[in-house]
Structures are given as structure tokens and as C-alpha cells.
Amino acid sequence: MLELPMDHVRELDPFDVYCVNIMTLLVRNNVDAELVSEVVDALRQIKFEHFGLLEKINLIEQKANIDLKTGLYKYNENYLENVLKVSSRALEGTTDQDATVAYVRMDIDNFSRLNNTYGHDLGDKVLHGLAQIIRQNTRPTDWHIRFGGEEFDLMLPMTETKGATRVMQKIFKKIHAFYVPHQREKVKITISAGISEYRIAARKLKSIDHRTMVKDYLRIQKQADDALYHGKDQFKVWDASLQRQYPRIRRHYALHNAR
């Protein structure tokens, strides 16, 4: 009889037992292999959401991580590492799949001018309103972050660039309909946004280290930040072929679109 070393033995949690029971039932009933594959993918996604919510509940309980004006998370250099640890648990046992995280950085256009014109009280209402739009048009397992000032970050686990663009289309539609009443005026806003993508093979998730994760986190932030400088009231996906041109794009933006 083959005996596994104790460091390779892991006790099944209740969710794992539930998944095993479902798979046993499918096998016993000779369910079509293609359908079994679809069920496995669905269970993997549910498992990720399960562990992702547990991770976020833990952070919410640590109220120091919450931005009081928006109710979103404050920026923390550990977030990508946290997301990938959840992915590691959800993708455990797979070797042919990647863990993906779509990253979005959003910036409110002309926010300083808005504060100077209408006052910081209205500016706070804008920040709160945008935070609500972001939350309401994303999943509970997505990460909603106030990076600082008028900048917001969004992390979409188990999502590729294409999925992030669909999310941003919904968010932009809501933002274009959003306004803050001020006397007889309806104060409207626009945002600029950039999208980047992080991808890592599932087999490498067990060996991730903190220093590498922080470095990778900063890299995808910089990519998303570069992409948003294409112009106001739009979102763009970071393009590797433009990497050397982004400094010029930033200078052009700063020259023609002073905030």
C-alpha cells in the first residue's frame, strides 16, 4: 500500500467533501465527460469565490483597512498576493490552467477643478457615488480599492482583459448617467481608466514569494496607469507594443489635459 508523507496529506474541508460527493454522483451515473468537465469548472469557480469571500471578510473585520469616505479598501501592497493565495486553493491539483487577474485603475477627470468650483463636500459625494457604482457593477469577490485621492483600483480575479472591458463598459454607462445635485445644477463627472492583466501558471502558485508579488503588483499597476493616459472619458487596455511610447503619451496628456 502506498503511503503519502504527512506533509502531503491535507484534511478535506466541508466544501471539498461536497465537491467529492457531487463528482462521485456524476461518475456513478455515467454522466457525459463533457458535462463532467463543465461541472468541474463551475465547482472550481465556486470554490474560488468561497475562499475569496472568506479572505475579504477577514479584511473587513480589520477596520483599519477600510477607507471611511468610500467604504472601499485602502491600498495595500499585499492584495495581489492575497488574491493568488485564494487562487492557489481554488486551483489546487490543476497543472494546465493559469490564474488570471485583470487590473483596472480609474481616475476622476478634473477632480481638483471640481473641488475648487463646488467645494470639497460635493467632491466627497462624487467619491462616494463612484465607489457605489464600482461596487454595484462588480462581483463580491472582486477587490475595490481607493488608491488615493481621486484614483480607484479594481482587481478582478479569475478574469482576463476581455472580461474587464465588459465590466468597464457597464461602469462607464452608469457613470455617464450619474450626477450630484448642486443648487439648480446637476454636476456630472467622467473618468479615465486603464486595464492590465496578470497571469501565472497554476503550478507556480505554491512557490510565490512576497517580494516577487509586490514587484509584480507594482508592475501591473504601472501598466494600468500608463493606459489611462490615452485620454479623458475613456478606458484603454495596456499595449506591450506601446511600452516605449507611454512616457511620451503621459507628457502629451499632461500638456493638453492639465488636471
C-alpha atoms as a PDB file:
ATOM      1  CA  MET A   1       0.000   0.000   0.000  1.00  0.00           C
ATOM      2  CA  LEU A   2       1.344   3.430  -0.968  1.00  0.00           C
ATOM      3  CA  GLU A   3       1.737   5.790   1.955  1.00  0.00           C
ATOM      4  CA  LEU A   4       1.991   9.513   1.370  1.00  0.00           C
ATOM      5  CA  PRO A   5       4.375  11.575   3.521  1.00  0.00           C
ATOM      6  CA  MET A   6       2.457  13.504   6.158  1.00  0.00           C
ATOM      7  CA  ASP A   7       3.441  16.860   4.644  1.00  0.00           C
ATOM      8  CA  HIS A   8       1.479  15.845   1.505  1.00  0.00           C
ATOM      9  CA  VAL A   9      -1.670  14.908   3.426  1.00  0.00           C
ATOM     10  CA  ARG A  10      -4.375  17.572   3.667  1.00  0.00           C
ATOM     11  CA  GLU A  11      -7.625  17.197   5.545  1.00  0.00           C
ATOM     12  CA  LEU A  12     -10.628  17.868   3.352  1.00  0.00           C
ATOM     13  CA  ASP A  13     -12.736  20.823   4.406  1.00  0.00           C
ATOM     14  CA  PRO A  14     -16.565  20.655   4.144  1.00  0.00           C
ATOM     15  CA  PHE A  15     -16.546  22.289   0.718  1.00  0.00           C
ATOM     16  CA  ASP A  16     -14.068  19.725  -0.623  1.00  0.00           C
ATOM     17  CA  VAL A  17     -16.272  16.911   0.702  1.00  0.00           C
ATOM     18  CA  TYR A  18     -19.269  18.474  -1.026  1.00  0.00           C
ATOM     19  CA  CYS A  19     -17.363  18.585  -4.350  1.00  0.00           C
ATOM     20  CA  VAL A  20     -16.225  14.963  -3.974  1.00  0.00           C
ATOM     21  CA  ASN A  21     -19.815  13.857  -3.355  1.00  0.00           C
ATOM     22  CA  ILE A  22     -21.012  15.641  -6.494  1.00  0.00           C
ATOM     23  CA  MET A  23     -18.265  14.113  -8.641  1.00  0.00           C
ATOM     24  CA  THR A  24     -18.961  10.642  -7.217  1.00  0.00           C
ATOM     25  CA  LEU A  25     -22.625  11.012  -8.117  1.00  0.00           C
ATOM     26  CA  LEU A  26     -21.753  12.041 -11.690  1.00  0.00           C
ATOM     27  CA  VAL A  27     -19.374   9.120 -12.183  1.00  0.00           C
ATOM     28  CA  ARG A  28     -21.828   6.585 -10.781  1.00  0.00           C
ATOM     29  CA  ASN A  29     -24.478   7.783 -13.216  1.00  0.00           C
ATOM     30  CA  ASN A  30     -22.126   7.669 -16.222  1.00  0.00           C
ATOM     31  CA  VAL A  31     -22.626  11.335 -16.979  1.00  0.00           C
ATOM     32  CA  ASP A  32     -21.154  12.554 -20.272  1.00  0.00           C
ATOM     33  CA  ALA A  33     -17.484  13.531 -19.955  1.00  0.00           C
ATOM     34  CA  GLU A  34     -18.034  16.976 -21.454  1.00  0.00           C
ATOM     35  CA  LEU A  35     -20.720  17.757 -18.880  1.00  0.00           C
ATOM     36  CA  VAL A  36     -18.453  16.486 -16.096  1.00  0.00           C
ATOM     37  CA  SER A  37     -15.764  18.896 -17.306  1.00  0.00           C
ATOM     38  CA  GLU A  38     -18.230  21.789 -17.189  1.00  0.00           C
ATOM     39  CA  VAL A  39     -19.258  20.830 -13.657  1.00  0.00           C
ATOM     40  CA  VAL A  40     -15.606  20.699 -12.571  1.00  0.00           C
ATOM     41  CA  ASP A  41     -15.010  24.200 -13.960  1.00  0.00           C
ATOM     42  CA  ALA A  42     -18.121  25.505 -12.209  1.00  0.00           C
ATOM     43  CA  LEU A  43     -17.110  23.942  -8.895  1.00  0.00           C
ATOM     44  CA  ARG A  44     -13.634  25.441  -9.228  1.00  0.00           C
ATOM     45  CA  GLN A  45     -15.140  28.897  -9.741  1.00  0.00           C
ATOM     46  CA  ILE A  46     -17.483  28.446  -6.773  1.00  0.00           C
ATOM     47  CA  LYS A  47     -14.569  27.284  -4.647  1.00  0.00           C
ATOM     48  CA  PHE A  48     -12.575  30.366  -5.583  1.00  0.00           C
ATOM     49  CA  GLU A  49     -15.497  32.615  -4.664  1.00  0.00           C
ATOM     50  CA  HIS A  50     -15.925  30.757  -1.367  1.00  0.00           C
ATOM     51  CA  PHE A  51     -12.329  31.250  -0.264  1.00  0.00           C
ATOM     52  CA  GLY A  52     -12.213  34.747  -1.758  1.00  0.00           C
ATOM     53  CA  LEU A  53     -15.148  35.882   0.351  1.00  0.00           C
ATOM     54  CA  LEU A  54     -13.574  34.399   3.476  1.00  0.00           C
ATOM     55  CA  GLU A  55     -10.410  36.373   2.754  1.00  0.00           C
ATOM     56  CA  LYS A  56     -12.354  39.606   2.267  1.00  0.00           C
ATOM     57  CA  ILE A  57     -14.444  39.083   5.402  1.00  0.00           C
ATOM     58  CA  ASN A  58     -11.208  38.769   7.332  1.00  0.00           C
ATOM     59  CA  LEU A  59     -10.004  42.111   5.942  1.00  0.00           C
ATOM     60  CA  ILE A  60     -13.326  43.843   6.602  1.00  0.00           C
ATOM     61  CA  GLU A  61     -13.094  42.775  10.230  1.00  0.00           C
ATOM     62  CA  GLN A  62      -9.796  44.667  10.357  1.00  0.00           C
ATOM     63  CA  LYS A  63     -11.467  48.090  10.012  1.00  0.00           C
ATOM     64  CA  ALA A  64      -8.133  49.852   9.625  1.00  0.00           C
ATOM     65  CA  ASN A  65      -8.146  48.544   6.028  1.00  0.00           C
ATOM     66  CA  ILE A  66     -11.341  50.431   5.084  1.00  0.00           C
ATOM     67  CA  ASP A  67     -11.413  53.955   3.627  1.00  0.00           C
ATOM     68  CA  LEU A  68     -14.057  55.891   5.567  1.00  0.00           C
ATOM     69  CA  LYS A  69     -15.160  58.207   2.734  1.00  0.00           C
ATOM     70  CA  THR A  70     -15.874  55.471   0.217  1.00  0.00           C
ATOM     71  CA  GLY A  71     -16.164  52.214   2.174  1.00  0.00           C
ATOM     72  CA  LEU A  72     -13.589  50.657  -0.172  1.00  0.00           C
ATOM     73  CA  TYR A  73     -10.311  49.037   0.827  1.00  0.00           C
ATOM     74  CA  LYS A  74      -7.317  51.249   1.399  1.00  0.00           C
ATOM     75  CA  TYR A  75      -4.335  50.463  -0.787  1.00  0.00           C
ATOM     76  CA  ASN A  76      -2.120  47.651   0.498  1.00  0.00           C
ATOM     77  CA  GLU A  77       0.893  46.091  -1.199  1.00  0.00           C
ATOM     78  CA  ASN A  78      -0.282  42.582  -0.217  1.00  0.00           C
ATOM     79  CA  TYR A  79      -3.518  42.439  -2.241  1.00  0.00           C
ATOM     80  CA  LEU A  80      -2.180  40.622  -5.313  1.00  0.00           C
ATOM     81  CA  GLU A  81      -0.536  38.069  -3.033  1.00  0.00           C
ATOM     82  CA  ASN A  82      -3.839  37.626  -1.160  1.00  0.00           C
ATOM     83  CA  VAL A  83      -5.737  37.051  -4.411  1.00  0.00           C
ATOM     84  CA  LEU A  84      -3.221  34.496  -5.654  1.00  0.00           C
ATOM     85  CA  LYS A  85      -3.262  32.584  -2.375  1.00  0.00           C
ATOM     86  CA  VAL A  86      -7.016  32.177  -2.840  1.00  0.00           C
ATOM     87  CA  SER A  87      -6.413  31.105  -6.448  1.00  0.00           C
ATOM     88  CA  SER A  88      -3.897  28.538  -5.223  1.00  0.00           C
ATOM     89  CA  ARG A  89      -6.529  26.912  -3.020  1.00  0.00           C
ATOM     90  CA  ALA A  90      -9.179  27.021  -5.749  1.00  0.00           C
ATOM     91  CA  LEU A  91      -6.871  25.622  -8.455  1.00  0.00           C
ATOM     92  CA  GLU A  92      -5.211  23.024  -6.264  1.00  0.00           C
ATOM     93  CA  GLY A  93      -4.487  19.857  -8.221  1.00  0.00           C
ATOM     94  CA  THR A  94      -4.577  21.514 -11.652  1.00  0.00           C
ATOM     95  CA  THR A  95      -1.461  21.853 -13.804  1.00  0.00           C
ATOM     96  CA  ASP A  96      -2.788  23.071 -17.142  1.00  0.00           C
ATOM     97  CA  GLN A  97      -4.584  26.244 -16.100  1.00  0.00           C
ATOM     98  CA  ASP A  98      -3.445  29.803 -15.436  1.00  0.00           C
ATOM     99  CA  ALA A  99      -4.581  32.093 -12.664  1.00  0.00           C
ATOM    100  CA  THR A 100      -5.504  35.465 -14.157  1.00  0.00           C
ATOM    101  CA  VAL A 101      -6.196  38.823 -12.540  1.00  0.00           C
ATOM    102  CA  ALA A 102      -7.461  41.805 -14.523  1.00  0.00           C
ATOM    103  CA  TYR A 103      -6.384  45.121 -13.016  1.00  0.00           C
ATOM    104  CA  VAL A 104      -8.089  48.481 -13.574  1.00  0.00           C
ATOM    105  CA  ARG A 105      -7.010  51.937 -12.476  1.00  0.00           C
ATOM    106  CA  MET A 106      -9.572  54.736 -12.642  1.00  0.00           C
ATOM    107  CA  ASP A 107      -9.027  58.470 -12.247  1.00  0.00           C
ATOM    108  CA  ILE A 108     -11.785  61.100 -11.944  1.00  0.00           C
ATOM    109  CA  ASP A 109     -11.238  63.719 -14.646  1.00  0.00           C
ATOM    110  CA  ASN A 110     -10.692  67.331 -13.499  1.00  0.00           C
ATOM    111  CA  PHE A 111     -11.344  66.449  -9.858  1.00  0.00           C
ATOM    112  CA  SER A 112      -9.246  69.319  -8.446  1.00  0.00           C
ATOM    113  CA  ARG A 113     -11.202  71.791 -10.589  1.00  0.00           C
ATOM    114  CA  LEU A 114     -14.479  70.230  -9.375  1.00  0.00           C
ATOM    115  CA  ASN A 115     -13.405  70.656  -5.718  1.00  0.00           C
ATOM    116  CA  ASN A 116     -12.315  74.249  -6.323  1.00  0.00           C
ATOM    117  CA  THR A 117     -15.563  75.087  -8.103  1.00  0.00           C
ATOM    118  CA  TYR A 118     -18.129  73.340  -5.906  1.00  0.00           C
ATOM    119  CA  GLY A 119     -16.313  72.635  -2.658  1.00  0.00           C
ATOM    120  CA  HIS A 120     -14.921  69.511  -1.016  1.00  0.00           C
ATOM    121  CA  ASP A 121     -18.308  68.439   0.348  1.00  0.00           C
ATOM    122  CA  LEU A 122     -19.553  67.867  -3.180  1.00  0.00           C
ATOM    123  CA  GLY A 123     -16.236  66.250  -4.059  1.00  0.00           C
ATOM    124  CA  ASP A 124     -16.790  63.754  -1.240  1.00  0.00           C
ATOM    125  CA  LYS A 125     -20.245  62.948  -2.650  1.00  0.00           C
ATOM    126  CA  VAL A 126     -18.643  62.265  -6.020  1.00  0.00           C
ATOM    127  CA  LEU A 127     -16.092  59.918  -4.424  1.00  0.00           C
ATOM    128  CA  HIS A 128     -18.841  58.065  -2.575  1.00  0.00           C
ATOM    129  CA  GLY A 129     -21.040  57.876  -5.680  1.00  0.00           C
ATOM    130  CA  LEU A 130     -18.267  56.449  -7.847  1.00  0.00           C
ATOM    131  CA  ALA A 131     -17.415  53.900  -5.159  1.00  0.00           C
ATOM    132  CA  GLN A 132     -21.052  52.770  -5.142  1.00  0.00           C
ATOM    133  CA  ILE A 133     -21.102  52.418  -8.923  1.00  0.00           C
ATOM    134  CA  ILE A 134     -17.933  50.310  -8.853  1.00  0.00           C
ATOM    135  CA  ARG A 135     -19.283  48.010  -6.141  1.00  0.00           C
ATOM    136  CA  GLN A 136     -22.732  47.611  -7.664  1.00  0.00           C
ATOM    137  CA  ASN A 137     -21.376  46.613 -11.080  1.00  0.00           C
ATOM    138  CA  THR A 138     -18.800  44.062  -9.962  1.00  0.00           C
ATOM    139  CA  ARG A 139     -18.760  40.772  -8.043  1.00  0.00           C
ATOM    140  CA  PRO A 140     -18.491  40.414  -4.250  1.00  0.00           C
ATOM    141  CA  THR A 141     -15.170  38.603  -4.807  1.00  0.00           C
ATOM    142  CA  ASP A 142     -13.664  41.492  -6.797  1.00  0.00           C
ATOM    143  CA  TRP A 143     -11.376  43.884  -4.954  1.00  0.00           C
ATOM    144  CA  HIS A 144     -12.455  47.545  -4.793  1.00  0.00           C
ATOM    145  CA  ILE A 145      -9.655  49.845  -3.691  1.00  0.00           C
ATOM    146  CA  ARG A 146      -9.300  53.565  -3.154  1.00  0.00           C
ATOM    147  CA  PHE A 147      -5.716  54.005  -4.256  1.00  0.00           C
ATOM    148  CA  GLY A 148      -5.609  57.612  -3.086  1.00  0.00           C
ATOM    149  CA  GLY A 149      -7.214  60.978  -3.801  1.00  0.00           C
ATOM    150  CA  GLU A 150      -9.445  60.591  -6.855  1.00  0.00           C
ATOM    151  CA  GLU A 151      -7.853  57.307  -8.009  1.00  0.00           C
ATOM    152  CA  PHE A 152      -9.622  53.969  -7.649  1.00  0.00           C
ATOM    153  CA  ASP A 153      -8.301  50.483  -8.392  1.00  0.00           C
ATOM    154  CA  LEU A 154     -10.262  47.362  -9.250  1.00  0.00           C
ATOM    155  CA  MET A 155      -8.888  43.815  -9.158  1.00  0.00           C
ATOM    156  CA  LEU A 156     -10.901  41.130 -10.969  1.00  0.00           C
ATOM    157  CA  PRO A 157      -9.693  37.630 -10.006  1.00  0.00           C
ATOM    158  CA  MET A 158     -10.125  34.744 -12.463  1.00  0.00           C
ATOM    159  CA  THR A 159     -10.742  37.353 -15.186  1.00  0.00           C
ATOM    160  CA  GLU A 160      -8.925  38.194 -18.411  1.00  0.00           C
ATOM    161  CA  THR A 161      -8.719  41.533 -20.213  1.00  0.00           C
ATOM    162  CA  LYS A 162     -11.833  40.787 -22.274  1.00  0.00           C
ATOM    163  CA  GLY A 163     -13.898  40.300 -19.125  1.00  0.00           C
ATOM    164  CA  ALA A 164     -12.535  43.520 -17.626  1.00  0.00           C
ATOM    165  CA  THR A 165     -13.559  45.519 -20.709  1.00  0.00           C
ATOM    166  CA  ARG A 166     -17.139  44.268 -20.318  1.00  0.00           C
ATOM    167  CA  VAL A 167     -17.125  45.357 -16.678  1.00  0.00           C
ATOM    168  CA  MET A 168     -15.802  48.797 -17.601  1.00  0.00           C
ATOM    169  CA  GLN A 169     -18.455  49.221 -20.281  1.00  0.00           C
ATOM    170  CA  LYS A 170     -21.096  48.748 -17.589  1.00  0.00           C
ATOM    171  CA  ILE A 171     -19.327  51.099 -15.175  1.00  0.00           C
ATOM    172  CA  PHE A 172     -18.909  53.830 -17.815  1.00  0.00           C
ATOM    173  CA  LYS A 173     -22.600  53.607 -18.720  1.00  0.00           C
ATOM    174  CA  LYS A 174     -23.542  54.142 -15.076  1.00  0.00           C
ATOM    175  CA  ILE A 175     -21.054  56.986 -14.646  1.00  0.00           C
ATOM    176  CA  HIS A 176     -22.465  58.821 -17.668  1.00  0.00           C
ATOM    177  CA  ALA A 177     -25.899  58.691 -16.020  1.00  0.00           C
ATOM    178  CA  PHE A 178     -24.593  59.722 -12.586  1.00  0.00           C
ATOM    179  CA  TYR A 179     -24.744  63.268 -11.219  1.00  0.00           C
ATOM    180  CA  VAL A 180     -24.639  65.107  -7.911  1.00  0.00           C
ATOM    181  CA  PRO A 181     -27.320  67.817  -7.433  1.00  0.00           C
ATOM    182  CA  HIS A 182     -25.940  71.257  -6.527  1.00  0.00           C
ATOM    183  CA  GLN A 183     -28.436  74.075  -6.197  1.00  0.00           C
ATOM    184  CA  ARG A 184     -30.136  74.061  -9.623  1.00  0.00           C
ATOM    185  CA  GLU A 185     -27.300  72.259 -11.343  1.00  0.00           C
ATOM    186  CA  LYS A 186     -26.595  68.576 -11.982  1.00  0.00           C
ATOM    187  CA  VAL A 187     -22.867  68.084 -11.550  1.00  0.00           C
ATOM    188  CA  LYS A 188     -21.658  65.249 -13.758  1.00  0.00           C
ATOM    189  CA  ILE A 189     -18.267  63.561 -13.956  1.00  0.00           C
ATOM    190  CA  THR A 190     -16.166  61.486 -16.313  1.00  0.00           C
ATOM    191  CA  ILE A 191     -13.251  59.176 -15.603  1.00  0.00           C
ATOM    192  CA  SER A 192     -10.141  57.906 -17.359  1.00  0.00           C
ATOM    193  CA  ALA A 193      -9.248  54.241 -16.884  1.00  0.00           C
ATOM    194  CA  GLY A 194      -6.554  51.765 -17.853  1.00  0.00           C
ATOM    195  CA  ILE A 195      -6.628  47.964 -17.846  1.00  0.00           C
ATOM    196  CA  SER A 196      -3.778  45.484 -17.454  1.00  0.00           C
ATOM    197  CA  GLU A 197      -3.674  41.727 -16.907  1.00  0.00           C
ATOM    198  CA  TYR A 198      -1.640  39.459 -14.647  1.00  0.00           C
ATOM    199  CA  ARG A 199      -1.224  35.786 -15.477  1.00  0.00           C
ATOM    200  CA  ILE A 200       0.596  32.975 -13.674  1.00  0.00           C
ATOM    201  CA  ALA A 201       0.559  29.205 -14.219  1.00  0.00           C
ATOM    202  CA  ALA A 202      -1.368  27.317 -11.538  1.00  0.00           C
ATOM    203  CA  ARG A 203       1.627  25.051 -10.872  1.00  0.00           C
ATOM    204  CA  LYS A 204       3.662  28.100  -9.776  1.00  0.00           C
ATOM    205  CA  LEU A 205       1.163  29.375  -7.230  1.00  0.00           C
ATOM    206  CA  LYS A 206       2.580  27.284  -4.394  1.00  0.00           C
ATOM    207  CA  SER A 207       6.020  28.849  -4.785  1.00  0.00           C
ATOM    208  CA  ILE A 208       5.092  32.559  -4.916  1.00  0.00           C
ATOM    209  CA  ASP A 209       7.049  34.776  -2.531  1.00  0.00           C
ATOM    210  CA  HIS A 210       6.186  38.144  -1.030  1.00  0.00           C
ATOM    211  CA  ARG A 211       8.944  40.170  -2.677  1.00  0.00           C
ATOM    212  CA  THR A 212       8.075  38.918  -6.161  1.00  0.00           C
ATOM    213  CA  MET A 213       4.365  39.528  -5.587  1.00  0.00           C
ATOM    214  CA  VAL A 214       4.944  43.146  -4.525  1.00  0.00           C
ATOM    215  CA  LYS A 215       7.131  43.708  -7.598  1.00  0.00           C
ATOM    216  CA  ASP A 216       4.510  42.161  -9.903  1.00  0.00           C
ATOM    217  CA  TYR A 217       1.745  44.151  -8.216  1.00  0.00           C
ATOM    218  CA  LEU A 218       3.594  47.419  -8.849  1.00  0.00           C
ATOM    219  CA  ARG A 219       4.214  46.391 -12.464  1.00  0.00           C
ATOM    220  CA  ILE A 220       0.554  45.766 -13.336  1.00  0.00           C
ATOM    221  CA  GLN A 221      -0.421  48.982 -11.538  1.00  0.00           C
ATOM    222  CA  LYS A 222       2.065  50.921 -13.657  1.00  0.00           C
ATOM    223  CA  GLN A 223       0.730  49.293 -16.825  1.00  0.00           C
ATOM    224  CA  ALA A 224      -2.881  50.180 -15.983  1.00  0.00           C
ATOM    225  CA  ASP A 225      -1.810  53.696 -15.003  1.00  0.00           C
ATOM    226  CA  ASP A 226       0.028  54.161 -18.303  1.00  0.00           C
ATOM    227  CA  ALA A 227      -3.026  53.033 -20.263  1.00  0.00           C
ATOM    228  CA  LEU A 228      -5.386  55.574 -18.667  1.00  0.00           C
ATOM    229  CA  TYR A 229      -3.304  58.464 -20.045  1.00  0.00           C
ATOM    230  CA  HIS A 230      -4.633  57.900 -23.557  1.00  0.00           C
ATOM    231  CA  GLY A 231      -7.338  60.456 -22.764  1.00  0.00           C
ATOM    232  CA  LYS A 232     -10.258  61.514 -20.619  1.00  0.00           C
ATOM    233  CA  ASP A 233     -13.660  59.831 -20.527  1.00  0.00           C
ATOM    234  CA  GLN A 234     -12.405  56.522 -21.912  1.00  0.00           C
ATOM    235  CA  PHE A 235     -10.708  53.306 -20.922  1.00  0.00           C
ATOM    236  CA  LYS A 236      -7.830  51.612 -22.686  1.00  0.00           C
ATOM    237  CA  VAL A 237      -6.049  48.275 -22.370  1.00  0.00           C
ATOM    238  CA  TRP A 238      -2.299  48.392 -21.789  1.00  0.00           C
ATOM    239  CA  ASP A 239      -0.469  47.529 -25.002  1.00  0.00           C
ATOM    240  CA  ALA A 240       3.011  45.993 -24.791  1.00  0.00           C
ATOM    241  CA  SER A 241       3.822  47.293 -28.276  1.00  0.00           C
ATOM    242  CA  LEU A 242       3.447  50.877 -26.934  1.00  0.00           C
ATOM    243  CA  GLN A 243       5.670  50.343 -23.893  1.00  0.00           C
ATOM    244  CA  ARG A 244       8.373  52.761 -25.056  1.00  0.00           C
ATOM    245  CA  GLN A 245       5.793  55.317 -26.129  1.00  0.00           C
ATOM    246  CA  TYR A 246       3.927  55.604 -22.818  1.00  0.00           C
ATOM    247  CA  PRO A 247       6.277  58.279 -21.375  1.00  0.00           C
ATOM    248  CA  ARG A 248       5.530  60.441 -24.427  1.00  0.00           C
ATOM    249  CA  ILE A 249       1.792  59.698 -24.115  1.00  0.00           C
ATOM    250  CA  ARG A 250       1.933  60.835 -20.481  1.00  0.00           C
ATOM    251  CA  ARG A 251       3.749  64.072 -21.374  1.00  0.00           C
ATOM    252  CA  HIS A 252       1.256  64.798 -24.128  1.00  0.00           C
ATOM    253  CA  TYR A 253      -1.627  64.231 -21.726  1.00  0.00           C
ATOM    254  CA  ALA A 254      -0.068  66.475 -19.085  1.00  0.00           C
ATOM    255  CA  LEU A 255       0.480  69.225 -21.638  1.00  0.00           C
ATOM    256  CA  HIS A 256      -3.043  69.187 -23.084  1.00  0.00           C
ATOM    257  CA  ASN A 257      -5.136  67.998 -20.141  1.00  0.00           C
ATOM    258  CA  ALA A 258      -3.913  69.726 -17.012  1.00  0.00           C
ATOM    259  CA  ARG A 259      -5.986  68.411 -14.123  1.00  0.00           C
END
